PDB file of N, CA and C in Angstrom:
ATOM      1  N   MET A   1     -48.482  47.844 -22.169  1.00  0.00           N
ATOM      2  CA  MET A   1     -48.027  46.680 -21.423  1.00  0.00           C
ATOM      3  C   MET A   1     -48.251  46.898 -19.935  1.00  0.00           C
ATOM      4  N   SER A   2     -48.585  45.823 -19.291  1.00  0.00           N
ATOM      5  CA  SER A   2     -48.755  45.918 -17.847  1.00  0.00           C
ATOM      6  C   SER A   2     -47.394  45.988 -17.168  1.00  0.00           C
ATOM      7  N   ASN A   3     -47.392  46.467 -15.957  1.00  0.00           N
ATOM      8  CA  ASN A   3     -46.141  46.532 -15.201  1.00  0.00           C
ATOM      9  C   ASN A   3     -45.559  45.141 -14.994  1.00  0.00           C
ATOM     10  N   GLN A   4     -46.441  44.161 -14.805  1.00  0.00           N
ATOM     11  CA  GLN A   4     -45.972  42.784 -14.609  1.00  0.00           C
ATOM     12  C   GLN A   4     -45.270  42.267 -15.866  1.00  0.00           C
ATOM     13  N   THR A   5     -45.832  42.553 -17.039  1.00  0.00           N
ATOM     14  CA  THR A   5     -45.219  42.133 -18.297  1.00  0.00           C
ATOM     15  C   THR A   5     -43.861  42.800 -18.487  1.00  0.00           C
ATOM     16  N   LYS A   6     -43.788  44.074 -18.181  1.00  0.00           N
ATOM     17  CA  LYS A   6     -42.521  44.801 -18.301  1.00  0.00           C
ATOM     18  C   LYS A   6     -41.467  44.202 -17.371  1.00  0.00           C
ATOM     19  N   GLN A   7     -41.875  43.833 -16.161  1.00  0.00           N
ATOM     20  CA  GLN A   7     -40.936  43.251 -15.200  1.00  0.00           C
ATOM     21  C   GLN A   7     -40.443  41.890 -15.692  1.00  0.00           C
ATOM     22  N   LEU A   8     -41.347  41.094 -16.263  1.00  0.00           N
ATOM     23  CA  LEU A   8     -40.950  39.786 -16.795  1.00  0.00           C
ATOM     24  C   LEU A   8     -39.940  39.943 -17.928  1.00  0.00           C
ATOM     25  N   GLN A   9     -40.174  40.913 -18.802  1.00  0.00           N
ATOM     26  CA  GLN A   9     -39.227  41.162 -19.888  1.00  0.00           C
ATOM     27  C   GLN A   9     -37.874  41.604 -19.344  1.00  0.00           C
ATOM     28  N   LYS A  10     -37.896  42.457 -18.345  1.00  0.00           N
ATOM     29  CA  LYS A  10     -36.651  42.942 -17.745  1.00  0.00           C
ATOM     30  C   LYS A  10     -35.886  41.781 -17.112  1.00  0.00           C
ATOM     31  N   ASN A  11     -36.592  40.897 -16.415  1.00  0.00           N
ATOM     32  CA  ASN A  11     -35.954  39.765 -15.748  1.00  0.00           C
ATOM     33  C   ASN A  11     -35.393  38.748 -16.728  1.00  0.00           C
ATOM     34  N   SER A  12     -35.929  38.703 -17.948  1.00  0.00           N
ATOM     35  CA  SER A  12     -35.454  37.727 -18.918  1.00  0.00           C
ATOM     36  C   SER A  12     -34.207  38.204 -19.658  1.00  0.00           C
ATOM     37  N   GLN A  13     -33.851  39.467 -19.482  1.00  0.00           N
ATOM     38  CA  GLN A  13     -32.654  40.009 -20.115  1.00  0.00           C
ATOM     39  C   GLN A  13     -31.414  39.533 -19.359  1.00  0.00           C
ATOM     40  N   PRO A  14     -30.379  39.106 -20.091  1.00  0.00           N
ATOM     41  CA  PRO A  14     -29.165  38.681 -19.388  1.00  0.00           C
ATOM     42  C   PRO A  14     -28.467  39.867 -18.739  1.00  0.00           C
ATOM     43  N   GLY A  15     -27.844  39.605 -17.606  1.00  0.00           N
ATOM     44  CA  GLY A  15     -27.077  40.636 -16.932  1.00  0.00           C
ATOM     45  C   GLY A  15     -25.817  40.939 -17.720  1.00  0.00           C
ATOM     46  N   ALA A  16     -25.159  42.003 -17.392  1.00  0.00           N
ATOM     47  CA  ALA A  16     -23.954  42.418 -18.108  1.00  0.00           C
ATOM     48  C   ALA A  16     -22.867  41.351 -18.021  1.00  0.00           C
ATOM     49  N   LYS A  17     -22.736  40.726 -16.855  1.00  0.00           N
ATOM     50  CA  LYS A  17     -21.711  39.698 -16.675  1.00  0.00           C
ATOM     51  C   LYS A  17     -21.989  38.493 -17.583  1.00  0.00           C
ATOM     52  N   ARG A  18     -23.250  38.063 -17.622  1.00  0.00           N
ATOM     53  CA  ARG A  18     -23.639  36.923 -18.460  1.00  0.00           C
ATOM     54  C   ARG A  18     -23.475  37.260 -19.945  1.00  0.00           C
ATOM     55  N   ALA A  19     -23.864  38.458 -20.334  1.00  0.00           N
ATOM     56  CA  ALA A  19     -23.741  38.875 -21.731  1.00  0.00           C
ATOM     57  C   ALA A  19     -22.272  38.878 -22.167  1.00  0.00           C
ATOM     58  N   LYS A  20     -21.378  39.338 -21.294  1.00  0.00           N
ATOM     59  CA  LYS A  20     -19.941  39.340 -21.612  1.00  0.00           C
ATOM     60  C   LYS A  20     -19.431  37.919 -21.756  1.00  0.00           C
ATOM     61  N   TYR A  21     -19.854  37.027 -20.858  1.00  0.00           N
ATOM     62  CA  TYR A  21     -19.457  35.624 -20.899  1.00  0.00           C
ATOM     63  C   TYR A  21     -19.871  34.992 -22.233  1.00  0.00           C
ATOM     64  N   VAL A  22     -21.106  35.226 -22.636  1.00  0.00           N
ATOM     65  CA  VAL A  22     -21.612  34.667 -23.890  1.00  0.00           C
ATOM     66  C   VAL A  22     -20.848  35.248 -25.073  1.00  0.00           C
ATOM     67  N   GLN A  23     -20.601  36.551 -25.052  1.00  0.00           N
ATOM     68  CA  GLN A  23     -19.858  37.195 -26.138  1.00  0.00           C
ATOM     69  C   GLN A  23     -18.440  36.632 -26.245  1.00  0.00           C
ATOM     70  N   ASP A  24     -17.784  36.407 -25.110  1.00  0.00           N
ATOM     71  CA  ASP A  24     -16.433  35.838 -25.115  1.00  0.00           C
ATOM     72  C   ASP A  24     -16.431  34.436 -25.730  1.00  0.00           C
ATOM     73  N   ILE A  25     -17.431  33.633 -25.396  1.00  0.00           N
ATOM     74  CA  ILE A  25     -17.517  32.285 -25.972  1.00  0.00           C
ATOM     75  C   ILE A  25     -17.737  32.372 -27.479  1.00  0.00           C
ATOM     76  N   LYS A  26     -18.626  33.258 -27.912  1.00  0.00           N
ATOM     77  CA  LYS A  26     -18.878  33.419 -29.349  1.00  0.00           C
ATOM     78  C   LYS A  26     -17.598  33.789 -30.098  1.00  0.00           C
ATOM     79  N   GLN A  27     -16.826  34.697 -29.519  1.00  0.00           N
ATOM     80  CA  GLN A  27     -15.581  35.107 -30.168  1.00  0.00           C
ATOM     81  C   GLN A  27     -14.583  33.943 -30.234  1.00  0.00           C
ATOM     82  N   THR A  28     -14.520  33.155 -29.168  1.00  0.00           N
ATOM     83  CA  THR A  28     -13.617  32.008 -29.138  1.00  0.00           C
ATOM     84  C   THR A  28     -14.026  30.977 -30.199  1.00  0.00           C
ATOM     85  N   ILE A  29     -15.316  30.757 -30.353  1.00  0.00           N
ATOM     86  CA  ILE A  29     -15.812  29.825 -31.368  1.00  0.00           C
ATOM     87  C   ILE A  29     -15.497  30.358 -32.755  1.00  0.00           C
ATOM     88  N   ASP A  30     -15.799  31.631 -32.994  1.00  0.00           N
ATOM     89  CA  ASP A  30     -15.550  32.243 -34.302  1.00  0.00           C
ATOM     90  C   ASP A  30     -14.079  32.199 -34.695  1.00  0.00           C
ATOM     91  N   SER A  31     -13.198  32.302 -33.721  1.00  0.00           N
ATOM     92  CA  SER A  31     -11.763  32.298 -34.026  1.00  0.00           C
ATOM     93  C   SER A  31     -11.208  30.881 -34.176  1.00  0.00           C
ATOM     94  N   GLY A  32     -12.045  29.880 -33.881  1.00  0.00           N
ATOM     95  CA  GLY A  32     -11.601  28.493 -34.012  1.00  0.00           C
ATOM     96  C   GLY A  32     -10.800  27.997 -32.826  1.00  0.00           C
ATOM     97  N   GLU A  33     -10.785  28.745 -31.741  1.00  0.00           N
ATOM     98  CA  GLU A  33      -9.996  28.381 -30.569  1.00  0.00           C
ATOM     99  C   GLU A  33     -10.783  27.620 -29.506  1.00  0.00           C
ATOM    100  N   TYR A  34     -12.114  27.513 -29.671  1.00  0.00           N
ATOM    101  CA  TYR A  34     -12.935  26.847 -28.663  1.00  0.00           C
ATOM    102  C   TYR A  34     -12.665  25.353 -28.676  1.00  0.00           C
ATOM    103  N   ARG A  35     -12.429  24.793 -27.513  1.00  0.00           N
ATOM    104  CA  ARG A  35     -12.166  23.359 -27.390  1.00  0.00           C
ATOM    105  C   ARG A  35     -13.159  22.768 -26.397  1.00  0.00           C
ATOM    106  N   VAL A  36     -13.745  21.661 -26.781  1.00  0.00           N
ATOM    107  CA  VAL A  36     -14.685  20.953 -25.915  1.00  0.00           C
ATOM    108  C   VAL A  36     -13.902  20.019 -25.012  1.00  0.00           C
ATOM    109  N   ASN A  37     -14.250  20.010 -23.731  1.00  0.00           N
ATOM    110  CA  ASN A  37     -13.648  19.084 -22.778  1.00  0.00           C
ATOM    111  C   ASN A  37     -14.566  17.861 -22.721  1.00  0.00           C
ATOM    112  N   PRO A  38     -14.165  16.747 -23.360  1.00  0.00           N
ATOM    113  CA  PRO A  38     -15.070  15.594 -23.430  1.00  0.00           C
ATOM    114  C   PRO A  38     -15.415  14.984 -22.069  1.00  0.00           C
ATOM    115  N   GLN A  39     -14.488  15.014 -21.131  1.00  0.00           N
ATOM    116  CA  GLN A  39     -14.772  14.471 -19.798  1.00  0.00           C
ATOM    117  C   GLN A  39     -15.830  15.314 -19.077  1.00  0.00           C
ATOM    118  N   LYS A  40     -15.684  16.613 -19.154  1.00  0.00           N
ATOM    119  CA  LYS A  40     -16.631  17.510 -18.504  1.00  0.00           C
ATOM    120  C   LYS A  40     -18.014  17.387 -19.153  1.00  0.00           C
ATOM    121  N   THR A  41     -18.039  17.284 -20.472  1.00  0.00           N
ATOM    122  CA  THR A  41     -19.300  17.131 -21.187  1.00  0.00           C
ATOM    123  C   THR A  41     -19.989  15.825 -20.793  1.00  0.00           C
ATOM    124  N   ALA A  42     -19.239  14.740 -20.761  1.00  0.00           N
ATOM    125  CA  ALA A  42     -19.805  13.442 -20.388  1.00  0.00           C
ATOM    126  C   ALA A  42     -20.336  13.468 -18.962  1.00  0.00           C
ATOM    127  N   LYS A  43     -19.602  14.073 -18.056  1.00  0.00           N
ATOM    128  CA  LYS A  43     -20.050  14.143 -16.663  1.00  0.00           C
ATOM    129  C   LYS A  43     -21.360  14.911 -16.547  1.00  0.00           C
ATOM    130  N   LYS A  44     -21.458  16.037 -17.244  1.00  0.00           N
ATOM    131  CA  LYS A  44     -22.690  16.831 -17.195  1.00  0.00           C
ATOM    132  C   LYS A  44     -23.865  16.044 -17.779  1.00  0.00           C
ATOM    133  N   MET A  45     -23.621  15.280 -18.840  1.00  0.00           N
ATOM    134  CA  MET A  45     -24.683  14.464 -19.430  1.00  0.00           C
ATOM    135  C   MET A  45     -25.137  13.381 -18.455  1.00  0.00           C
ATOM    136  N   ILE A  46     -24.194  12.732 -17.821  1.00  0.00           N
ATOM    137  CA  ILE A  46     -24.525  11.675 -16.848  1.00  0.00           C
ATOM    138  C   ILE A  46     -25.295  12.267 -15.676  1.00  0.00           C
ATOM    139  N   ASP A  47     -24.824  13.386 -15.154  1.00  0.00           N
ATOM    140  CA  ASP A  47     -25.512  14.043 -14.038  1.00  0.00           C
ATOM    141  C   ASP A  47     -26.943  14.426 -14.425  1.00  0.00           C
ATOM    142  N   PHE A  48     -27.113  14.930 -15.634  1.00  0.00           N
ATOM    143  CA  PHE A  48     -28.445  15.311 -16.108  1.00  0.00           C
ATOM    144  C   PHE A  48     -29.376  14.105 -16.119  1.00  0.00           C
ATOM    145  N   TRP A  49     -28.909  13.003 -16.707  1.00  0.00           N
ATOM    146  CA  TRP A  49     -29.777  11.830 -16.830  1.00  0.00           C
ATOM    147  C   TRP A  49     -30.032  11.149 -15.485  1.00  0.00           C
ATOM    148  N   LYS A  50     -29.106  11.260 -14.567  1.00  0.00           N
ATOM    149  CA  LYS A  50     -29.346  10.710 -13.236  1.00  0.00           C
ATOM    150  C   LYS A  50     -30.487  11.441 -12.550  1.00  0.00           C
ATOM    151  N   LYS A  51     -30.580  12.746 -12.767  1.00  0.00           N
ATOM    152  CA  LYS A  51     -31.651  13.548 -12.161  1.00  0.00           C
ATOM    153  C   LYS A  51     -33.009  13.252 -12.775  1.00  0.00           C
ATOM    154  N   HIS A  52     -33.017  12.781 -14.016  1.00  0.00           N
ATOM    155  CA  HIS A  52     -34.273  12.617 -14.756  1.00  0.00           C
ATOM    156  C   HIS A  52     -34.687  11.153 -14.905  1.00  0.00           C
ATOM    157  N   GLN A  53     -34.270  10.322 -14.011  1.00  0.00           N
ATOM    158  CA  GLN A  53     -34.659   8.909 -14.075  1.00  0.00           C
ATOM    159  C   GLN A  53     -35.860   8.667 -13.233  1.00  0.00           C
TER     160      GLN A  53
END
């Protein structure tokens, strides 16, 4: 592998903080405790579509 390819692979790996965040969410979902905030979800959807018009 070229050094550039190795660097790209390294950069695509999640950092320790992000990996912990994802693991915590997975555990919350698995335990049945994860709750969706419908207002926050709707706002993010609206913001997304406003950017892509």
